[in-house]
Amino acid sequence: MFYYRKVIPFQRNFYSIITEIELLSYDKLSKEEELKIKNALGFFKRVNINETIKNITINIRKEKKLKLPDSLIVASAFYKNAVLVTNDKQLHNLNNLNVITLEELKDLN
């Protein structure tokens, strides 16, 4: 069994624009919650969709049959060579992707 613990340097934290859209489009989100999310995202660098991410996304969708938003988020992580923090169990099973859960992230602190 291979187990690793990733240290995530603060200056190298990113989020996909898809994550921002998903977080802020929840219809029951209060103005206060929206502001908190926007403030939290301000500590990270946003990864927008570019030609390379588009092409990686196409390959992921073809090979892994993921939904488009998940494919874009995974492609963004690959593009930035970043650790993906998610509780989505399906994404933890992808090869060649460094993934940790939110709980593991909290344990790093």
N, C-alpha and C. Protein backbone atom coordinates (compact mmCIF):
# COMPACT_ATOMS: atom_id res chain seq x y z
N MET A 1 0.84 -1.18 0.00
CA MET A 1 0.00 0.00 0.00
C MET A 1 0.89 1.24 0.00
N PHE A 2 0.58 2.17 -0.88
CA PHE A 2 1.35 3.40 -1.00
C PHE A 2 0.56 4.53 -0.37
N TYR A 3 1.14 5.17 0.60
CA TYR A 3 0.49 6.29 1.26
C TYR A 3 1.43 7.47 1.24
N TYR A 4 0.92 8.62 0.90
CA TYR A 4 1.76 9.80 0.90
C TYR A 4 1.05 10.92 1.62
N ARG A 5 1.83 11.83 2.12
CA ARG A 5 1.29 13.02 2.76
C ARG A 5 1.89 14.22 2.04
N LYS A 6 1.05 15.01 1.48
CA LYS A 6 1.51 16.17 0.72
C LYS A 6 1.49 17.41 1.59
N VAL A 7 2.55 18.16 1.52
CA VAL A 7 2.57 19.48 2.15
C VAL A 7 2.24 20.47 1.04
N ILE A 8 1.23 21.25 1.25
CA ILE A 8 0.77 22.17 0.22
C ILE A 8 1.25 23.57 0.57
N PRO A 9 2.25 24.08 -0.15
CA PRO A 9 2.72 25.43 0.13
C PRO A 9 1.64 26.45 -0.17
N PHE A 10 1.46 27.42 0.71
CA PHE A 10 0.35 28.36 0.61
C PHE A 10 0.37 29.14 -0.69
N GLN A 11 1.54 29.54 -1.17
CA GLN A 11 1.60 30.36 -2.37
C GLN A 11 1.26 29.57 -3.63
N ARG A 12 1.08 28.27 -3.54
CA ARG A 12 0.80 27.44 -4.70
C ARG A 12 -0.61 26.85 -4.63
N ASN A 13 -1.53 27.54 -4.04
CA ASN A 13 -2.90 27.04 -3.96
C ASN A 13 -3.76 27.68 -5.04
N PHE A 14 -4.50 26.83 -5.74
CA PHE A 14 -5.31 27.27 -6.86
C PHE A 14 -6.73 26.73 -6.70
N TYR A 15 -7.63 27.33 -7.44
CA TYR A 15 -8.96 26.77 -7.60
C TYR A 15 -9.38 26.96 -9.04
N SER A 16 -10.17 26.05 -9.52
CA SER A 16 -10.68 26.12 -10.88
C SER A 16 -11.84 27.11 -10.94
N ILE A 17 -11.95 27.82 -12.03
CA ILE A 17 -13.09 28.72 -12.22
C ILE A 17 -14.40 27.93 -12.11
N ILE A 18 -14.36 26.65 -12.44
CA ILE A 18 -15.55 25.80 -12.32
C ILE A 18 -15.95 25.66 -10.86
N THR A 19 -14.98 25.53 -9.98
CA THR A 19 -15.26 25.46 -8.55
C THR A 19 -15.94 26.74 -8.08
N GLU A 20 -15.45 27.88 -8.54
CA GLU A 20 -16.06 29.16 -8.18
C GLU A 20 -17.51 29.22 -8.65
N ILE A 21 -17.74 28.80 -9.88
CA ILE A 21 -19.11 28.80 -10.42
C ILE A 21 -20.01 27.88 -9.60
N GLU A 22 -19.52 26.68 -9.28
CA GLU A 22 -20.31 25.74 -8.50
C GLU A 22 -20.64 26.30 -7.12
N LEU A 23 -19.65 26.89 -6.46
CA LEU A 23 -19.87 27.42 -5.11
C LEU A 23 -20.85 28.59 -5.09
N LEU A 24 -20.73 29.47 -6.06
CA LEU A 24 -21.52 30.70 -6.03
C LEU A 24 -22.89 30.57 -6.71
N SER A 25 -23.15 29.47 -7.37
CA SER A 25 -24.43 29.33 -8.07
C SER A 25 -25.49 28.58 -7.27
N TYR A 26 -25.16 28.21 -6.05
CA TYR A 26 -26.15 27.54 -5.19
C TYR A 26 -27.29 28.52 -4.91
N ASP A 27 -28.51 28.14 -5.23
CA ASP A 27 -29.64 29.07 -5.19
C ASP A 27 -30.06 29.51 -3.79
N LYS A 28 -29.69 28.78 -2.78
CA LYS A 28 -30.08 29.14 -1.41
C LYS A 28 -28.94 29.85 -0.66
N LEU A 29 -27.93 30.27 -1.38
CA LEU A 29 -26.78 30.93 -0.79
C LEU A 29 -27.18 32.34 -0.33
N SER A 30 -26.90 32.63 0.93
CA SER A 30 -27.20 33.98 1.43
C SER A 30 -26.10 34.93 0.97
N LYS A 31 -26.38 36.22 1.04
CA LYS A 31 -25.38 37.23 0.68
C LYS A 31 -24.15 37.11 1.57
N GLU A 32 -24.39 36.82 2.85
CA GLU A 32 -23.29 36.66 3.81
C GLU A 32 -22.41 35.46 3.43
N GLU A 33 -23.04 34.33 3.08
CA GLU A 33 -22.29 33.14 2.68
C GLU A 33 -21.52 33.40 1.38
N GLU A 34 -22.17 34.11 0.46
CA GLU A 34 -21.50 34.44 -0.80
C GLU A 34 -20.26 35.29 -0.55
N LEU A 35 -20.37 36.24 0.33
CA LEU A 35 -19.22 37.09 0.67
C LEU A 35 -18.11 36.28 1.32
N LYS A 36 -18.46 35.35 2.21
CA LYS A 36 -17.46 34.50 2.85
C LYS A 36 -16.73 33.64 1.83
N ILE A 37 -17.47 33.10 0.87
CA ILE A 37 -16.85 32.28 -0.17
C ILE A 37 -15.90 33.12 -1.01
N LYS A 38 -16.36 34.30 -1.42
CA LYS A 38 -15.51 35.18 -2.22
C LYS A 38 -14.26 35.58 -1.46
N ASN A 39 -14.41 35.86 -0.17
CA ASN A 39 -13.24 36.21 0.65
C ASN A 39 -12.27 35.04 0.75
N ALA A 40 -12.80 33.84 0.95
CA ALA A 40 -11.94 32.65 1.05
C ALA A 40 -11.21 32.41 -0.26
N LEU A 41 -11.91 32.55 -1.38
CA LEU A 41 -11.28 32.34 -2.68
C LEU A 41 -10.19 33.37 -2.95
N GLY A 42 -10.27 34.51 -2.29
CA GLY A 42 -9.27 35.55 -2.46
C GLY A 42 -7.88 35.13 -2.00
N PHE A 43 -7.79 34.07 -1.21
CA PHE A 43 -6.50 33.57 -0.74
C PHE A 43 -5.84 32.63 -1.75
N PHE A 44 -6.55 32.32 -2.82
CA PHE A 44 -6.06 31.37 -3.81
C PHE A 44 -5.98 32.03 -5.18
N LYS A 45 -5.27 31.39 -6.08
CA LYS A 45 -5.19 31.86 -7.45
C LYS A 45 -6.18 31.07 -8.31
N ARG A 46 -6.96 31.79 -9.10
CA ARG A 46 -7.94 31.13 -9.96
C ARG A 46 -7.26 30.62 -11.23
N VAL A 47 -7.65 29.42 -11.64
CA VAL A 47 -7.19 28.84 -12.89
C VAL A 47 -8.34 28.94 -13.88
N ASN A 48 -8.14 29.76 -14.90
CA ASN A 48 -9.14 29.90 -15.95
C ASN A 48 -8.92 28.83 -17.01
N ILE A 49 -9.91 28.62 -17.83
CA ILE A 49 -9.81 27.62 -18.89
C ILE A 49 -9.00 28.21 -20.05
N ASN A 50 -7.99 27.47 -20.46
CA ASN A 50 -7.19 27.87 -21.62
C ASN A 50 -7.16 26.70 -22.60
N GLU A 51 -6.42 26.86 -23.66
CA GLU A 51 -6.37 25.83 -24.71
C GLU A 51 -5.85 24.50 -24.18
N THR A 52 -4.82 24.55 -23.36
CA THR A 52 -4.23 23.32 -22.80
C THR A 52 -5.23 22.62 -21.88
N ILE A 53 -5.87 23.36 -21.00
CA ILE A 53 -6.87 22.77 -20.10
C ILE A 53 -8.03 22.20 -20.91
N LYS A 54 -8.43 22.89 -21.95
CA LYS A 54 -9.49 22.38 -22.82
C LYS A 54 -9.11 21.01 -23.38
N ASN A 55 -7.89 20.90 -23.90
CA ASN A 55 -7.45 19.63 -24.50
C ASN A 55 -7.31 18.52 -23.47
N ILE A 56 -6.80 18.84 -22.30
CA ILE A 56 -6.70 17.85 -21.22
C ILE A 56 -8.11 17.39 -20.83
N THR A 57 -9.04 18.33 -20.74
CA THR A 57 -10.43 18.02 -20.39
C THR A 57 -11.04 17.06 -21.40
N ILE A 58 -10.82 17.31 -22.66
CA ILE A 58 -11.36 16.43 -23.71
C ILE A 58 -10.85 15.01 -23.53
N ASN A 59 -9.55 14.88 -23.28
CA ASN A 59 -8.96 13.54 -23.08
C ASN A 59 -9.51 12.86 -21.84
N ILE A 60 -9.67 13.61 -20.76
CA ILE A 60 -10.21 13.03 -19.53
C ILE A 60 -11.64 12.55 -19.75
N ARG A 61 -12.45 13.37 -20.42
CA ARG A 61 -13.84 12.98 -20.67
C ARG A 61 -13.91 11.72 -21.52
N LYS A 62 -13.04 11.61 -22.50
CA LYS A 62 -13.02 10.43 -23.37
C LYS A 62 -12.59 9.18 -22.61
N GLU A 63 -11.55 9.33 -21.78
CA GLU A 63 -10.97 8.17 -21.10
C GLU A 63 -11.70 7.79 -19.82
N LYS A 64 -12.10 8.78 -19.03
CA LYS A 64 -12.62 8.50 -17.69
C LYS A 64 -14.13 8.63 -17.57
N LYS A 65 -14.77 9.21 -18.59
CA LYS A 65 -16.23 9.36 -18.60
C LYS A 65 -16.74 10.19 -17.41
N LEU A 66 -15.97 11.20 -17.03
CA LEU A 66 -16.39 12.09 -15.95
C LEU A 66 -17.33 13.16 -16.49
N LYS A 67 -18.10 13.74 -15.60
CA LYS A 67 -18.94 14.88 -15.97
C LYS A 67 -18.04 16.04 -16.35
N LEU A 68 -18.56 16.94 -17.17
CA LEU A 68 -17.75 18.06 -17.65
C LEU A 68 -17.14 18.90 -16.53
N PRO A 69 -17.93 19.31 -15.51
CA PRO A 69 -17.31 20.11 -14.44
C PRO A 69 -16.16 19.38 -13.74
N ASP A 70 -16.35 18.11 -13.43
CA ASP A 70 -15.28 17.33 -12.78
C ASP A 70 -14.07 17.21 -13.70
N SER A 71 -14.31 17.00 -14.98
CA SER A 71 -13.21 16.89 -15.94
C SER A 71 -12.41 18.19 -16.01
N LEU A 72 -13.09 19.32 -15.99
CA LEU A 72 -12.41 20.61 -16.02
C LEU A 72 -11.59 20.85 -14.76
N ILE A 73 -12.14 20.48 -13.62
CA ILE A 73 -11.42 20.65 -12.35
C ILE A 73 -10.18 19.75 -12.32
N VAL A 74 -10.33 18.51 -12.74
CA VAL A 74 -9.19 17.58 -12.79
C VAL A 74 -8.14 18.09 -13.79
N ALA A 75 -8.58 18.56 -14.95
CA ALA A 75 -7.66 19.08 -15.95
C ALA A 75 -6.88 20.28 -15.41
N SER A 76 -7.56 21.12 -14.65
CA SER A 76 -6.89 22.28 -14.05
C SER A 76 -5.81 21.83 -13.06
N ALA A 77 -6.11 20.80 -12.28
CA ALA A 77 -5.12 20.27 -11.33
C ALA A 77 -3.92 19.68 -12.07
N PHE A 78 -4.19 18.91 -13.14
CA PHE A 78 -3.09 18.38 -13.96
C PHE A 78 -2.25 19.51 -14.54
N TYR A 79 -2.91 20.51 -15.09
CA TYR A 79 -2.23 21.62 -15.74
C TYR A 79 -1.29 22.35 -14.77
N LYS A 80 -1.73 22.53 -13.54
CA LYS A 80 -0.92 23.23 -12.53
C LYS A 80 -0.02 22.28 -11.75
N ASN A 81 -0.09 20.98 -12.05
CA ASN A 81 0.65 19.97 -11.30
C ASN A 81 0.38 20.14 -9.81
N ALA A 82 -0.88 20.28 -9.49
CA ALA A 82 -1.31 20.59 -8.13
C ALA A 82 -1.97 19.39 -7.47
N VAL A 83 -2.04 19.44 -6.16
CA VAL A 83 -2.79 18.47 -5.38
C VAL A 83 -4.25 18.89 -5.42
N LEU A 84 -5.14 17.97 -5.76
CA LEU A 84 -6.56 18.26 -5.78
C LEU A 84 -7.16 17.91 -4.43
N VAL A 85 -7.82 18.88 -3.81
CA VAL A 85 -8.48 18.65 -2.53
C VAL A 85 -9.96 18.48 -2.80
N THR A 86 -10.47 17.29 -2.54
CA THR A 86 -11.88 16.99 -2.81
C THR A 86 -12.33 15.81 -1.97
N ASN A 87 -13.61 15.79 -1.68
CA ASN A 87 -14.21 14.62 -1.03
C ASN A 87 -14.94 13.74 -2.03
N ASP A 88 -14.85 14.07 -3.30
CA ASP A 88 -15.48 13.29 -4.37
C ASP A 88 -14.71 11.98 -4.53
N LYS A 89 -15.32 10.89 -4.10
CA LYS A 89 -14.64 9.59 -4.10
C LYS A 89 -14.23 9.14 -5.50
N GLN A 90 -15.02 9.51 -6.50
CA GLN A 90 -14.70 9.13 -7.87
C GLN A 90 -13.37 9.72 -8.31
N LEU A 91 -13.08 10.93 -7.86
CA LEU A 91 -11.84 11.59 -8.27
C LEU A 91 -10.63 11.04 -7.54
N HIS A 92 -10.85 10.39 -6.40
CA HIS A 92 -9.73 9.79 -5.66
C HIS A 92 -9.20 8.54 -6.35
N ASN A 93 -9.95 8.01 -7.28
CA ASN A 93 -9.56 6.78 -7.96
C ASN A 93 -8.86 7.02 -9.28
N LEU A 94 -8.57 8.27 -9.61
CA LEU A 94 -7.91 8.56 -10.87
C LEU A 94 -6.41 8.34 -10.76
N ASN A 95 -5.84 7.73 -11.77
CA ASN A 95 -4.39 7.51 -11.80
C ASN A 95 -3.68 8.82 -12.14
N ASN A 96 -2.47 8.94 -11.67
CA ASN A 96 -1.61 10.09 -11.99
C ASN A 96 -2.13 11.42 -11.49
N LEU A 97 -2.99 11.41 -10.51
CA LEU A 97 -3.50 12.65 -9.94
C LEU A 97 -3.29 12.61 -8.43
N ASN A 98 -2.66 13.64 -7.90
CA ASN A 98 -2.48 13.75 -6.46
C ASN A 98 -3.74 14.31 -5.85
N VAL A 99 -4.42 13.51 -5.05
CA VAL A 99 -5.70 13.89 -4.47
C VAL A 99 -5.67 13.64 -2.97
N ILE A 100 -6.19 14.60 -2.20
CA ILE A 100 -6.38 14.40 -0.77
C ILE A 100 -7.79 14.86 -0.42
N THR A 101 -8.28 14.39 0.71
CA THR A 101 -9.60 14.78 1.18
C THR A 101 -9.49 16.07 1.99
N LEU A 102 -10.61 16.69 2.24
CA LEU A 102 -10.62 17.88 3.10
C LEU A 102 -10.11 17.55 4.50
N GLU A 103 -10.44 16.36 4.97
CA GLU A 103 -9.98 15.93 6.30
C GLU A 103 -8.45 15.81 6.33
N GLU A 104 -7.87 15.24 5.27
CA GLU A 104 -6.41 15.14 5.20
C GLU A 104 -5.77 16.52 5.15
N LEU A 105 -6.41 17.45 4.46
CA LEU A 105 -5.89 18.81 4.40
C LEU A 105 -5.88 19.44 5.78
N LYS A 106 -6.97 19.25 6.54
CA LYS A 106 -7.02 19.79 7.91
C LYS A 106 -5.94 19.18 8.78
N ASP A 107 -5.62 17.90 8.55
CA ASP A 107 -4.58 17.23 9.35
C ASP A 107 -3.19 17.74 9.05
N LEU A 108 -3.00 18.40 7.91
CA LEU A 108 -1.69 18.94 7.56
C LEU A 108 -1.33 20.15 8.42
N ASN A 109 -2.32 20.80 8.98
CA ASN A 109 -2.08 22.02 9.78
C ASN A 109 -1.78 21.71 11.20
